[in-house]
């Protein structure tokens, strides 16, 4: 599985992130703690690289989170509907 698939699966299972009014919020720190097997440089860049550009509302296969503030991300609701084989 790709890291994106592992990430989405962890959120769908409720193992990562927290549910708020706007949806599922994940911090960079939580992400790094949940995926200790990922090299630190990649773990620091994964969520920032997956951030949907300001002014955009739709996700793509590589952009599926919104930056709420530094180190805090909101998962796009459509990403939570993705199905991945286990």
PDB file of N, CA and C in Angstrom:
ATOM      1  N   UNK A   1       0.844  -1.195   0.000  1.00  0.00           N
ATOM      2  CA  UNK A   1       0.000   0.000   0.000  1.00  0.00           C
ATOM      3  C   UNK A   1       0.876   1.241   0.000  1.00  0.00           C
ATOM      4  N   UNK A   2       0.388   2.265  -0.647  1.00  0.00           N
ATOM      5  CA  UNK A   2       1.101   3.537  -0.641  1.00  0.00           C
ATOM      6  C   UNK A   2       0.885   4.224   0.702  1.00  0.00           C
ATOM      7  N   UNK A   3       1.693   5.237   0.966  1.00  0.00           N
ATOM      8  CA  UNK A   3       1.520   5.987   2.209  1.00  0.00           C
ATOM      9  C   UNK A   3       0.166   6.681   2.223  1.00  0.00           C
ATOM     10  N   UNK A   4      -0.281   7.177   1.096  1.00  0.00           N
ATOM     11  CA  UNK A   4      -1.604   7.810   1.048  1.00  0.00           C
ATOM     12  C   UNK A   4      -2.673   6.796   1.431  1.00  0.00           C
ATOM     13  N   UNK A   5      -2.596   5.586   0.909  1.00  0.00           N
ATOM     14  CA  UNK A   5      -3.575   4.558   1.231  1.00  0.00           C
ATOM     15  C   UNK A   5      -3.526   4.209   2.715  1.00  0.00           C
ATOM     16  N   UNK A   6      -2.334   4.085   3.257  1.00  0.00           N
ATOM     17  CA  UNK A   6      -2.179   3.797   4.688  1.00  0.00           C
ATOM     18  C   UNK A   6      -2.760   4.934   5.531  1.00  0.00           C
ATOM     19  N   UNK A   7      -2.505   6.169   5.105  1.00  0.00           N
ATOM     20  CA  UNK A   7      -2.995   7.367   5.795  1.00  0.00           C
ATOM     21  C   UNK A   7      -4.522   7.384   5.813  1.00  0.00           C
ATOM     22  N   UNK A   8      -5.140   7.215   4.646  1.00  0.00           N
ATOM     23  CA  UNK A   8      -6.604   7.242   4.546  1.00  0.00           C
ATOM     24  C   UNK A   8      -7.213   6.099   5.349  1.00  0.00           C
ATOM     25  N   UNK A   9      -6.621   4.928   5.268  1.00  0.00           N
ATOM     26  CA  UNK A   9      -7.127   3.783   6.015  1.00  0.00           C
ATOM     27  C   UNK A   9      -7.071   4.038   7.528  1.00  0.00           C
ATOM     28  N   UNK A  10      -5.988   4.611   8.003  1.00  0.00           N
ATOM     29  CA  UNK A  10      -5.851   4.917   9.432  1.00  0.00           C
ATOM     30  C   UNK A  10      -6.916   5.910   9.880  1.00  0.00           C
ATOM     31  N   UNK A  11      -7.216   6.868   9.040  1.00  0.00           N
ATOM     32  CA  UNK A  11      -8.252   7.851   9.375  1.00  0.00           C
ATOM     33  C   UNK A  11      -9.625   7.196   9.356  1.00  0.00           C
ATOM     34  N   UNK A  12      -9.896   6.381   8.331  1.00  0.00           N
ATOM     35  CA  UNK A  12     -11.183   5.707   8.240  1.00  0.00           C
ATOM     36  C   UNK A  12     -11.425   4.788   9.438  1.00  0.00           C
ATOM     37  N   UNK A  13     -10.375   4.158   9.946  1.00  0.00           N
ATOM     38  CA  UNK A  13     -10.496   3.272  11.100  1.00  0.00           C
ATOM     39  C   UNK A  13     -10.560   4.040  12.421  1.00  0.00           C
ATOM     40  N   UNK A  14     -10.326   5.352  12.377  1.00  0.00           N
ATOM     41  CA  UNK A  14     -10.346   6.162  13.582  1.00  0.00           C
ATOM     42  C   UNK A  14      -9.062   6.077  14.392  1.00  0.00           C
ATOM     43  N   UNK A  15      -8.001   5.569  13.787  1.00  0.00           N
ATOM     44  CA  UNK A  15      -6.724   5.422  14.479  1.00  0.00           C
ATOM     45  C   UNK A  15      -5.855   6.675  14.388  1.00  0.00           C
ATOM     46  N   UNK A  16      -6.192   7.560  13.483  1.00  0.00           N
ATOM     47  CA  UNK A  16      -5.405   8.771  13.254  1.00  0.00           C
ATOM     48  C   UNK A  16      -6.347   9.937  13.046  1.00  0.00           C
ATOM     49  N   UNK A  17      -6.006  11.083  13.602  1.00  0.00           N
ATOM     50  CA  UNK A  17      -6.815  12.285  13.450  1.00  0.00           C
ATOM     51  C   UNK A  17      -7.923  12.364  14.493  1.00  0.00           C
ATOM     52  N   UNK A  18      -8.579  13.504  14.473  1.00  0.00           N
ATOM     53  CA  UNK A  18      -9.709  13.705  15.384  1.00  0.00           C
ATOM     54  C   UNK A  18     -10.837  14.373  14.605  1.00  0.00           C
ATOM     55  N   UNK A  19     -12.043  13.974  14.924  1.00  0.00           N
ATOM     56  CA  UNK A  19     -13.213  14.504  14.230  1.00  0.00           C
ATOM     57  C   UNK A  19     -13.615  15.821  14.872  1.00  0.00           C
ATOM     58  N   UNK A  20     -13.786  16.834  14.039  1.00  0.00           N
ATOM     59  CA  UNK A  20     -14.285  18.142  14.465  1.00  0.00           C
ATOM     60  C   UNK A  20     -15.460  18.509  13.575  1.00  0.00           C
ATOM     61  N   UNK A  21     -16.037  19.671  13.794  1.00  0.00           N
ATOM     62  CA  UNK A  21     -17.184  20.113  13.004  1.00  0.00           C
ATOM     63  C   UNK A  21     -16.888  20.131  11.504  1.00  0.00           C
ATOM     64  N   UNK A  22     -15.675  20.544  11.166  1.00  0.00           N
ATOM     65  CA  UNK A  22     -15.315  20.670   9.749  1.00  0.00           C
ATOM     66  C   UNK A  22     -14.935  19.342   9.115  1.00  0.00           C
ATOM     67  N   UNK A  23     -14.623  18.339   9.914  1.00  0.00           N
ATOM     68  CA  UNK A  23     -14.190  17.044   9.394  1.00  0.00           C
ATOM     69  C   UNK A  23     -13.059  16.491  10.233  1.00  0.00           C
ATOM     70  N   UNK A  24     -12.191  15.703   9.615  1.00  0.00           N
ATOM     71  CA  UNK A  24     -11.084  15.066  10.329  1.00  0.00           C
ATOM     72  C   UNK A  24      -9.841  15.946  10.249  1.00  0.00           C
ATOM     73  N   UNK A  25      -9.308  16.270  11.402  1.00  0.00           N
ATOM     74  CA  UNK A  25      -8.116  17.106  11.526  1.00  0.00           C
ATOM     75  C   UNK A  25      -6.940  16.214  11.930  1.00  0.00           C
ATOM     76  N   UNK A  26      -5.808  16.401  11.259  1.00  0.00           N
ATOM     77  CA  UNK A  26      -4.592  15.648  11.577  1.00  0.00           C
ATOM     78  C   UNK A  26      -3.437  16.629  11.702  1.00  0.00           C
ATOM     79  N   UNK A  27      -2.668  16.480  12.760  1.00  0.00           N
ATOM     80  CA  UNK A  27      -1.484  17.328  12.909  1.00  0.00           C
ATOM     81  C   UNK A  27      -0.274  16.587  12.341  1.00  0.00           C
ATOM     82  N   UNK A  28       0.713  17.342  11.951  1.00  0.00           N
ATOM     83  CA  UNK A  28       1.947  16.768  11.439  1.00  0.00           C
ATOM     84  C   UNK A  28       2.597  15.899  12.513  1.00  0.00           C
ATOM     85  N   UNK A  29       2.517  16.324  13.762  1.00  0.00           N
ATOM     86  CA  UNK A  29       3.078  15.559  14.874  1.00  0.00           C
ATOM     87  C   UNK A  29       2.376  14.210  15.033  1.00  0.00           C
ATOM     88  N   UNK A  30       1.044  14.201  14.945  1.00  0.00           N
ATOM     89  CA  UNK A  30       0.285  12.953  15.021  1.00  0.00           C
ATOM     90  C   UNK A  30       0.671  12.021  13.873  1.00  0.00           C
ATOM     91  N   UNK A  31       0.799  12.598  12.690  1.00  0.00           N
ATOM     92  CA  UNK A  31       1.173  11.832  11.503  1.00  0.00           C
ATOM     93  C   UNK A  31       2.529  11.166  11.708  1.00  0.00           C
ATOM     94  N   UNK A  32       3.505  11.932  12.161  1.00  0.00           N
ATOM     95  CA  UNK A  32       4.849  11.399  12.379  1.00  0.00           C
ATOM     96  C   UNK A  32       4.840  10.304  13.443  1.00  0.00           C
ATOM     97  N   UNK A  33       4.067  10.467  14.488  1.00  0.00           N
ATOM     98  CA  UNK A  33       3.983   9.460  15.550  1.00  0.00           C
ATOM     99  C   UNK A  33       3.313   8.178  15.060  1.00  0.00           C
ATOM    100  N   UNK A  34       2.300   8.317  14.224  1.00  0.00           N
ATOM    101  CA  UNK A  34       1.568   7.159  13.730  1.00  0.00           C
ATOM    102  C   UNK A  34       2.391   6.357  12.716  1.00  0.00           C
ATOM    103  N   UNK A  35       3.231   7.042  11.961  1.00  0.00           N
ATOM    104  CA  UNK A  35       4.042   6.392  10.932  1.00  0.00           C
ATOM    105  C   UNK A  35       5.530   6.494  11.271  1.00  0.00           C
ATOM    106  N   UNK A  36       5.980   5.840  12.340  1.00  0.00           N
ATOM    107  CA  UNK A  36       7.392   5.946  12.720  1.00  0.00           C
ATOM    108  C   UNK A  36       8.335   5.273  11.732  1.00  0.00           C
ATOM    109  N   UNK A  37       7.790   4.420  10.859  1.00  0.00           N
ATOM    110  CA  UNK A  37       8.616   3.724   9.876  1.00  0.00           C
ATOM    111  C   UNK A  37       8.983   4.599   8.674  1.00  0.00           C
ATOM    112  N   UNK A  38       8.367   5.758   8.573  1.00  0.00           N
ATOM    113  CA  UNK A  38       8.636   6.664   7.455  1.00  0.00           C
ATOM    114  C   UNK A  38       9.817   7.554   7.815  1.00  0.00           C
ATOM    115  N   UNK A  39      10.742   7.688   6.882  1.00  0.00           N
ATOM    116  CA  UNK A  39      11.916   8.531   7.128  1.00  0.00           C
ATOM    117  C   UNK A  39      11.471   9.946   7.460  1.00  0.00           C
ATOM    118  N   UNK A  40      12.188  10.577   8.377  1.00  0.00           N
ATOM    119  CA  UNK A  40      11.757  11.866   8.917  1.00  0.00           C
ATOM    120  C   UNK A  40      11.576  12.945   7.856  1.00  0.00           C
ATOM    121  N   UNK A  41      12.443  12.993   6.873  1.00  0.00           N
ATOM    122  CA  UNK A  41      12.316  14.039   5.858  1.00  0.00           C
ATOM    123  C   UNK A  41      11.033  13.854   5.044  1.00  0.00           C
ATOM    124  N   UNK A  42      10.710  12.615   4.693  1.00  0.00           N
ATOM    125  CA  UNK A  42       9.488  12.346   3.938  1.00  0.00           C
ATOM    126  C   UNK A  42       8.256  12.575   4.810  1.00  0.00           C
ATOM    127  N   UNK A  43       8.335  12.189   6.078  1.00  0.00           N
ATOM    128  CA  UNK A  43       7.182  12.392   6.955  1.00  0.00           C
ATOM    129  C   UNK A  43       6.891  13.875   7.168  1.00  0.00           C
ATOM    130  N   UNK A  44       7.922  14.697   7.122  1.00  0.00           N
ATOM    131  CA  UNK A  44       7.737  16.149   7.276  1.00  0.00           C
ATOM    132  C   UNK A  44       7.144  16.783   6.022  1.00  0.00           C
ATOM    133  N   UNK A  45       7.316  16.139   4.863  1.00  0.00           N
ATOM    134  CA  UNK A  45       6.865  16.750   3.613  1.00  0.00           C
ATOM    135  C   UNK A  45       5.581  16.144   3.060  1.00  0.00           C
ATOM    136  N   UNK A  46       5.147  14.986   3.579  1.00  0.00           N
ATOM    137  CA  UNK A  46       3.981  14.307   3.018  1.00  0.00           C
ATOM    138  C   UNK A  46       2.726  15.169   3.048  1.00  0.00           C
ATOM    139  N   UNK A  47       2.314  15.628   4.224  1.00  0.00           N
ATOM    140  CA  UNK A  47       1.092  16.432   4.320  1.00  0.00           C
ATOM    141  C   UNK A  47       1.218  17.779   3.610  1.00  0.00           C
ATOM    142  N   UNK A  48       2.324  18.510   3.776  1.00  0.00           N
ATOM    143  CA  UNK A  48       2.443  19.753   3.016  1.00  0.00           C
ATOM    144  C   UNK A  48       2.364  19.536   1.498  1.00  0.00           C
ATOM    145  N   UNK A  49       2.928  18.441   1.015  1.00  0.00           N
ATOM    146  CA  UNK A  49       2.884  18.164  -0.422  1.00  0.00           C
ATOM    147  C   UNK A  49       1.489  17.761  -0.886  1.00  0.00           C
ATOM    148  N   UNK A  50       0.654  17.257   0.022  1.00  0.00           N
ATOM    149  CA  UNK A  50      -0.705  16.829  -0.308  1.00  0.00           C
ATOM    150  C   UNK A  50      -1.730  17.944  -0.120  1.00  0.00           C
ATOM    151  N   UNK A  51      -1.276  19.147   0.186  1.00  0.00           N
ATOM    152  CA  UNK A  51      -2.179  20.265   0.463  1.00  0.00           C
ATOM    153  C   UNK A  51      -2.791  20.835  -0.811  1.00  0.00           C
ATOM    154  N   UNK A  52      -4.091  20.982  -0.782  1.00  0.00           N
ATOM    155  CA  UNK A  52      -4.833  21.590  -1.883  1.00  0.00           C
ATOM    156  C   UNK A  52      -4.524  23.081  -1.886  1.00  0.00           C
ATOM    157  N   UNK A  53      -4.250  23.610  -3.046  1.00  0.00           N
ATOM    158  CA  UNK A  53      -3.870  25.016  -3.177  1.00  0.00           C
ATOM    159  C   UNK A  53      -4.981  25.940  -2.675  1.00  0.00           C
ATOM    160  N   UNK A  54      -4.616  27.074  -2.064  1.00  0.00           N
ATOM    161  CA  UNK A  54      -5.627  28.035  -1.609  1.00  0.00           C
ATOM    162  C   UNK A  54      -6.552  28.445  -2.755  1.00  0.00           C
ATOM    163  N   UNK A  55      -7.830  28.526  -2.464  1.00  0.00           N
ATOM    164  CA  UNK A  55      -8.817  28.898  -3.468  1.00  0.00           C
ATOM    165  C   UNK A  55      -9.418  27.702  -4.190  1.00  0.00           C
ATOM    166  N   UNK A  56      -8.817  26.543  -4.071  1.00  0.00           N
ATOM    167  CA  UNK A  56      -9.338  25.331  -4.689  1.00  0.00           C
ATOM    168  C   UNK A  56     -10.174  24.571  -3.676  1.00  0.00           C
ATOM    169  N   UNK A  57     -11.185  23.869  -4.141  1.00  0.00           N
ATOM    170  CA  UNK A  57     -12.040  23.106  -3.231  1.00  0.00           C
ATOM    171  C   UNK A  57     -12.053  21.612  -3.554  1.00  0.00           C
ATOM    172  N   UNK A  58     -11.689  21.245  -4.771  1.00  0.00           N
ATOM    173  CA  UNK A  58     -11.741  19.833  -5.132  1.00  0.00           C
ATOM    174  C   UNK A  58     -10.381  19.182  -4.949  1.00  0.00           C
ATOM    175  N   UNK A  59     -10.407  17.897  -4.634  1.00  0.00           N
ATOM    176  CA  UNK A  59      -9.167  17.168  -4.426  1.00  0.00           C
ATOM    177  C   UNK A  59      -8.736  16.487  -5.719  1.00  0.00           C
ATOM    178  N   UNK A  60      -7.493  16.075  -5.738  1.00  0.00           N
ATOM    179  CA  UNK A  60      -6.959  15.264  -6.827  1.00  0.00           C
ATOM    180  C   UNK A  60      -6.327  14.034  -6.188  1.00  0.00           C
ATOM    181  N   UNK A  61      -5.744  13.171  -6.982  1.00  0.00           N
ATOM    182  CA  UNK A  61      -5.136  11.973  -6.407  1.00  0.00           C
ATOM    183  C   UNK A  61      -3.898  12.295  -5.565  1.00  0.00           C
ATOM    184  N   UNK A  62      -3.309  13.468  -5.761  1.00  0.00           N
ATOM    185  CA  UNK A  62      -2.131  13.846  -4.973  1.00  0.00           C
ATOM    186  C   UNK A  62      -2.396  14.982  -3.985  1.00  0.00           C
ATOM    187  N   UNK A  63      -3.494  15.666  -4.119  1.00  0.00           N
ATOM    188  CA  UNK A  63      -3.844  16.794  -3.236  1.00  0.00           C
ATOM    189  C   UNK A  63      -5.170  16.478  -2.554  1.00  0.00           C
ATOM    190  N   UNK A  64      -5.112  16.196  -1.237  1.00  0.00           N
ATOM    191  CA  UNK A  64      -6.319  15.729  -0.557  1.00  0.00           C
ATOM    192  C   UNK A  64      -6.463  16.248   0.865  1.00  0.00           C
ATOM    193  N   UNK A  65      -5.682  17.249   1.253  1.00  0.00           N
ATOM    194  CA  UNK A  65      -5.844  17.886   2.567  1.00  0.00           C
ATOM    195  C   UNK A  65      -5.805  19.404   2.405  1.00  0.00           C
ATOM    196  N   UNK A  66      -6.440  20.091   3.343  1.00  0.00           N
ATOM    197  CA  UNK A  66      -6.384  21.548   3.411  1.00  0.00           C
ATOM    198  C   UNK A  66      -5.505  21.913   4.599  1.00  0.00           C
ATOM    199  N   UNK A  67      -4.685  22.928   4.452  1.00  0.00           N
ATOM    200  CA  UNK A  67      -3.876  23.405   5.568  1.00  0.00           C
ATOM    201  C   UNK A  67      -4.743  24.335   6.409  1.00  0.00           C
ATOM    202  N   UNK A  68      -4.920  23.994   7.671  1.00  0.00           N
ATOM    203  CA  UNK A  68      -5.719  24.799   8.595  1.00  0.00           C
ATOM    204  C   UNK A  68      -4.832  25.884   9.208  1.00  0.00           C
ATOM    205  N   UNK A  69      -3.655  25.461   9.637  1.00  0.00           N
ATOM    206  CA  UNK A  69      -2.623  26.357  10.152  1.00  0.00           C
ATOM    207  C   UNK A  69      -1.320  25.559  10.118  1.00  0.00           C
ATOM    208  N   UNK A  70      -0.253  26.168  10.515  1.00  0.00           N
ATOM    209  CA  UNK A  70       1.038  25.502  10.451  1.00  0.00           C
ATOM    210  C   UNK A  70       0.992  24.153  11.181  1.00  0.00           C
ATOM    211  N   UNK A  71       1.274  23.081  10.445  1.00  0.00           N
ATOM    212  CA  UNK A  71       1.330  21.746  11.023  1.00  0.00           C
ATOM    213  C   UNK A  71      -0.001  21.077  11.301  1.00  0.00           C
ATOM    214  N   UNK A  72      -1.113  21.673  10.853  1.00  0.00           N
ATOM    215  CA  UNK A  72      -2.452  21.119  11.094  1.00  0.00           C
ATOM    216  C   UNK A  72      -3.218  21.080   9.773  1.00  0.00           C
ATOM    217  N   UNK A  73      -3.814  19.910   9.483  1.00  0.00           N
ATOM    218  CA  UNK A  73      -4.454  19.696   8.187  1.00  0.00           C
ATOM    219  C   UNK A  73      -5.845  19.100   8.338  1.00  0.00           C
ATOM    220  N   UNK A  74      -6.739  19.500   7.435  1.00  0.00           N
ATOM    221  CA  UNK A  74      -8.100  18.992   7.355  1.00  0.00           C
ATOM    222  C   UNK A  74      -8.160  18.063   6.150  1.00  0.00           C
ATOM    223  N   UNK A  75      -8.595  16.830   6.378  1.00  0.00           N
ATOM    224  CA  UNK A  75      -8.676  15.858   5.289  1.00  0.00           C
ATOM    225  C   UNK A  75      -9.916  16.153   4.455  1.00  0.00           C
ATOM    226  N   UNK A  76      -9.744  16.204   3.129  1.00  0.00           N
ATOM    227  CA  UNK A  76     -10.868  16.454   2.227  1.00  0.00           C
ATOM    228  C   UNK A  76     -11.894  15.337   2.407  1.00  0.00           C
ATOM    229  N   UNK A  77     -13.165  15.695   2.492  1.00  0.00           N
ATOM    230  CA  UNK A  77     -14.210  14.702   2.756  1.00  0.00           C
ATOM    231  C   UNK A  77     -14.269  13.618   1.686  1.00  0.00           C
ATOM    232  N   UNK A  78     -13.953  13.937   0.434  1.00  0.00           N
ATOM    233  CA  UNK A  78     -13.975  12.926  -0.623  1.00  0.00           C
ATOM    234  C   UNK A  78     -12.870  11.882  -0.426  1.00  0.00           C
ATOM    235  N   UNK A  79     -11.762  12.271   0.183  1.00  0.00           N
ATOM    236  CA  UNK A  79     -10.673  11.327   0.434  1.00  0.00           C
ATOM    237  C   UNK A  79     -11.122  10.253   1.415  1.00  0.00           C
ATOM    238  N   UNK A  80     -12.018  10.601   2.308  1.00  0.00           N
ATOM    239  CA  UNK A  80     -12.491   9.654   3.310  1.00  0.00           C
ATOM    240  C   UNK A  80     -13.399   8.589   2.690  1.00  0.00           C
ATOM    241  N   UNK A  81     -13.882   8.837   1.484  1.00  0.00           N
ATOM    242  CA  UNK A  81     -14.753   7.885   0.812  1.00  0.00           C
ATOM    243  C   UNK A  81     -13.978   6.875  -0.040  1.00  0.00           C
ATOM    244  N   UNK A  82     -12.668   7.106  -0.185  1.00  0.00           N
ATOM    245  CA  UNK A  82     -11.844   6.219  -1.018  1.00  0.00           C
ATOM    246  C   UNK A  82     -11.784   4.825  -0.410  1.00  0.00           C
ATOM    247  N   UNK A  83     -11.819   3.837  -1.271  1.00  0.00           N
ATOM    248  CA  UNK A  83     -11.700   2.442  -0.842  1.00  0.00           C
ATOM    249  C   UNK A  83     -10.336   1.927  -1.302  1.00  0.00           C
ATOM    250  N   UNK A  84      -9.639   1.268  -0.403  1.00  0.00           N
ATOM    251  CA  UNK A  84      -8.331   0.698  -0.713  1.00  0.00           C
ATOM    252  C   UNK A  84      -8.311  -0.758  -0.274  1.00  0.00           C
ATOM    253  N   UNK A  85      -7.751  -1.622  -1.100  1.00  0.00           N
ATOM    254  CA  UNK A  85      -7.642  -3.021  -0.676  1.00  0.00           C
ATOM    255  C   UNK A  85      -6.660  -3.154   0.474  1.00  0.00           C
ATOM    256  N   UNK A  86      -6.939  -4.061   1.358  1.00  0.00           N
ATOM    257  CA  UNK A  86      -6.060  -4.272   2.516  1.00  0.00           C
ATOM    258  C   UNK A  86      -5.030  -5.326   2.175  1.00  0.00           C
TER     259      UNK A  86
END
